[in-house]
C-alpha atoms as a PDB file:
ATOM      1  CA  MET A   1       0.000   0.000   0.000  1.00  0.00           C
ATOM      2  CA  LYS A   2       2.829   2.382   0.789  1.00  0.00           C
ATOM      3  CA  ASN A   3       4.361   1.948  -2.713  1.00  0.00           C
ATOM      4  CA  SER A   4       1.107   2.934  -4.437  1.00  0.00           C
ATOM      5  CA  VAL A   5       0.914   6.132  -2.383  1.00  0.00           C
ATOM      6  CA  ARG A   6       4.485   7.035  -3.355  1.00  0.00           C
ATOM      7  CA  ILE A   7       3.740   6.483  -7.058  1.00  0.00           C
ATOM      8  CA  ARG A   8       0.639   8.650  -6.884  1.00  0.00           C
ATOM      9  CA  THR A   9       2.627  11.446  -5.229  1.00  0.00           C
ATOM     10  CA  THR A  10       5.285  11.209  -7.938  1.00  0.00           C
ATOM     11  CA  ILE A  11       2.667  11.316 -10.687  1.00  0.00           C
ATOM     12  CA  LEU A  12       0.963  14.289  -9.019  1.00  0.00           C
ATOM     13  CA  LEU A  13       4.259  16.197  -8.808  1.00  0.00           C
ATOM     14  CA  LEU A  14       5.051  15.397 -12.442  1.00  0.00           C
ATOM     15  CA  PHE A  15       1.578  16.541 -13.502  1.00  0.00           C
ATOM     16  CA  LEU A  16       1.895  19.810 -11.558  1.00  0.00           C
ATOM     17  CA  THR A  17       5.329  20.463 -13.086  1.00  0.00           C
ATOM     18  CA  VAL A  18       3.972  20.004 -16.602  1.00  0.00           C
ATOM     19  CA  VAL A  19       0.922  22.202 -15.937  1.00  0.00           C
ATOM     20  CA  ILE A  20       2.939  25.025 -14.356  1.00  0.00           C
ATOM     21  CA  SER A  21       5.630  25.076 -17.061  1.00  0.00           C
ATOM     22  CA  SER A  22       3.121  24.950 -19.931  1.00  0.00           C
ATOM     23  CA  SER A  23       1.038  27.686 -18.272  1.00  0.00           C
ATOM     24  CA  TYR A  24       4.098  29.959 -18.111  1.00  0.00           C
ATOM     25  CA  ILE A  25       4.858  29.364 -21.811  1.00  0.00           C
ATOM     26  CA  PHE A  26       1.201  29.947 -22.765  1.00  0.00           C
ATOM     27  CA  ILE A  27       0.917  33.177 -20.749  1.00  0.00           C
ATOM     28  CA  SER A  28       4.202  34.577 -22.081  1.00  0.00           C
ATOM     29  CA  LYS A  29       3.068  34.004 -25.684  1.00  0.00           C
ATOM     30  CA  VAL A  30      -0.528  35.219 -25.309  1.00  0.00           C
ATOM     31  CA  PHE A  31       0.297  38.354 -23.353  1.00  0.00           C
ATOM     32  CA  ALA A  32       3.496  39.108 -25.347  1.00  0.00           C
ATOM     33  CA  LEU A  33       5.789  39.380 -22.363  1.00  0.00           C
ATOM     34  CA  GLU A  34       8.755  39.365 -24.737  1.00  0.00           C
ATOM     35  CA  THR A  35       9.268  40.878 -28.161  1.00  0.00           C
ATOM     36  CA  THR A  36       7.655  38.832 -30.917  1.00  0.00           C
ATOM     37  CA  PRO A  37       9.053  39.038 -34.462  1.00  0.00           C
ATOM     38  CA  VAL A  38       6.627  39.721 -37.304  1.00  0.00           C
ATOM     39  CA  ARG A  39       7.275  37.180 -40.051  1.00  0.00           C
ATOM     40  CA  GLY A  40       6.343  37.115 -43.693  1.00  0.00           C
ATOM     41  CA  SER A  41       4.977  39.840 -45.906  1.00  0.00           C
ATOM     42  CA  ALA A  42       1.848  41.778 -46.817  1.00  0.00           C
ATOM     43  CA  VAL A  43       0.535  42.733 -50.258  1.00  0.00           C
ATOM     44  CA  SER A  44      -0.634  46.205 -51.226  1.00  0.00           C
ATOM     45  CA  ILE A  45      -4.145  46.046 -52.670  1.00  0.00           C
ATOM     46  CA  ASN A  46      -3.550  49.061 -54.934  1.00  0.00           C
ATOM     47  CA  THR A  47      -0.348  47.891 -56.636  1.00  0.00           C
ATOM     48  CA  GLY A  48      -0.003  44.213 -55.778  1.00  0.00           C
ATOM     49  CA  ASN A  49       3.574  44.764 -54.523  1.00  0.00           C
ATOM     50  CA  ALA A  50       4.809  43.270 -51.276  1.00  0.00           C
ATOM     51  CA  ILE A  51       5.841  44.717 -47.914  1.00  0.00           C
ATOM     52  CA  PHE A  52       8.421  42.480 -46.205  1.00  0.00           C
ATOM     53  CA  PHE A  53       8.491  42.331 -42.389  1.00  0.00           C
ATOM     54  CA  SER A  54      11.204  39.725 -41.814  1.00  0.00           C
ATOM     55  CA  SER A  55      14.828  39.484 -42.828  1.00  0.00           C
ATOM     56  CA  GLU A  56      14.761  36.716 -45.438  1.00  0.00           C
ATOM     57  CA  ILE A  57      15.053  39.000 -48.466  1.00  0.00           C
ATOM     58  CA  TYR A  58      15.813  42.633 -47.572  1.00  0.00           C
ATOM     59  CA  GLY A  59      17.005  42.426 -43.971  1.00  0.00           C
ATOM     60  CA  ALA A  60      13.820  43.895 -42.498  1.00  0.00           C
ATOM     61  CA  ASN A  61      13.210  43.488 -38.787  1.00  0.00           C
ATOM     62  CA  VAL A  62       9.783  44.267 -37.288  1.00  0.00           C
ATOM     63  CA  VAL A  63       8.852  43.200 -33.737  1.00  0.00           C
ATOM     64  CA  ILE A  64       5.772  43.548 -31.543  1.00  0.00           C
ATOM     65  CA  SER A  65       6.344  44.237 -27.853  1.00  0.00           C
ATOM     66  CA  ASP A  66       4.419  45.219 -24.754  1.00  0.00           C
ATOM     67  CA  LEU A  67       6.397  48.045 -23.157  1.00  0.00           C
ATOM     68  CA  ASP A  68       3.824  48.782 -20.459  1.00  0.00           C
ATOM     69  CA  PRO A  69       1.805  45.680 -19.467  1.00  0.00           C
ATOM     70  CA  ASP A  70      -0.195  47.666 -16.894  1.00  0.00           C
ATOM     71  CA  ASN A  71      -1.561  50.052 -19.562  1.00  0.00           C
ATOM     72  CA  SER A  72      -4.472  47.957 -20.904  1.00  0.00           C
ATOM     73  CA  ASN A  73      -1.943  45.581 -22.465  1.00  0.00           C
ATOM     74  CA  ILE A  74      -1.295  47.862 -25.466  1.00  0.00           C
ATOM     75  CA  ARG A  75       1.324  46.470 -27.824  1.00  0.00           C
ATOM     76  CA  THR A  76       3.713  48.475 -29.990  1.00  0.00           C
ATOM     77  CA  ILE A  77       5.331  47.766 -33.340  1.00  0.00           C
ATOM     78  CA  SER A  78       8.934  48.794 -33.913  1.00  0.00           C
ATOM     79  CA  GLY A  79      11.614  48.119 -36.484  1.00  0.00           C
ATOM     80  CA  TYR A  80      12.048  48.391 -40.247  1.00  0.00           C
ATOM     81  CA  ALA A  81      10.041  46.874 -43.098  1.00  0.00           C
ATOM     82  CA  TRP A  82      10.811  46.973 -46.839  1.00  0.00           C
ATOM     83  CA  SER A  83       8.116  47.999 -49.314  1.00  0.00           C
ATOM     84  CA  GLN A  84       8.532  47.472 -53.046  1.00  0.00           C
ATOM     85  CA  ASP A  85       6.514  50.674 -53.538  1.00  0.00           C
ATOM     86  CA  LEU A  86       7.867  52.993 -50.827  1.00  0.00           C
ATOM     87  CA  GLY A  87      11.260  51.629 -49.810  1.00  0.00           C
ATOM     88  CA  TRP A  88      12.049  51.415 -46.106  1.00  0.00           C
ATOM     89  CA  ILE A  89       9.172  51.856 -43.635  1.00  0.00           C
ATOM     90  CA  ILE A  90      10.171  52.713 -40.061  1.00  0.00           C
ATOM     91  CA  PHE A  91       7.935  51.651 -37.179  1.00  0.00           C
ATOM     92  CA  THR A  92       8.709  53.454 -33.922  1.00  0.00           C
ATOM     93  CA  SER A  93       7.474  52.719 -30.444  1.00  0.00           C
ATOM     94  CA  GLY A  94       6.950  56.355 -29.522  1.00  0.00           C
END
């Protein structure tokens, strides 16, 4: 009987460890606790040309961050994007 109690305690601790660690990862991704890179591109409806947000082609680097989590969880976009129509587009956080 004592061995079954020990196994149940071990399984409970393992379960709690998995739940706590996955909750931390989920919360940090949903609430953007760190900067999140914007990947891919967008297409202009007027011209059909692309705007690139990530560095694969032109070296663009756009990120989304939450500088003030207490302020209604407002996120900001910062960095540089490349537009085939306009050239470099600068996103500032201020």
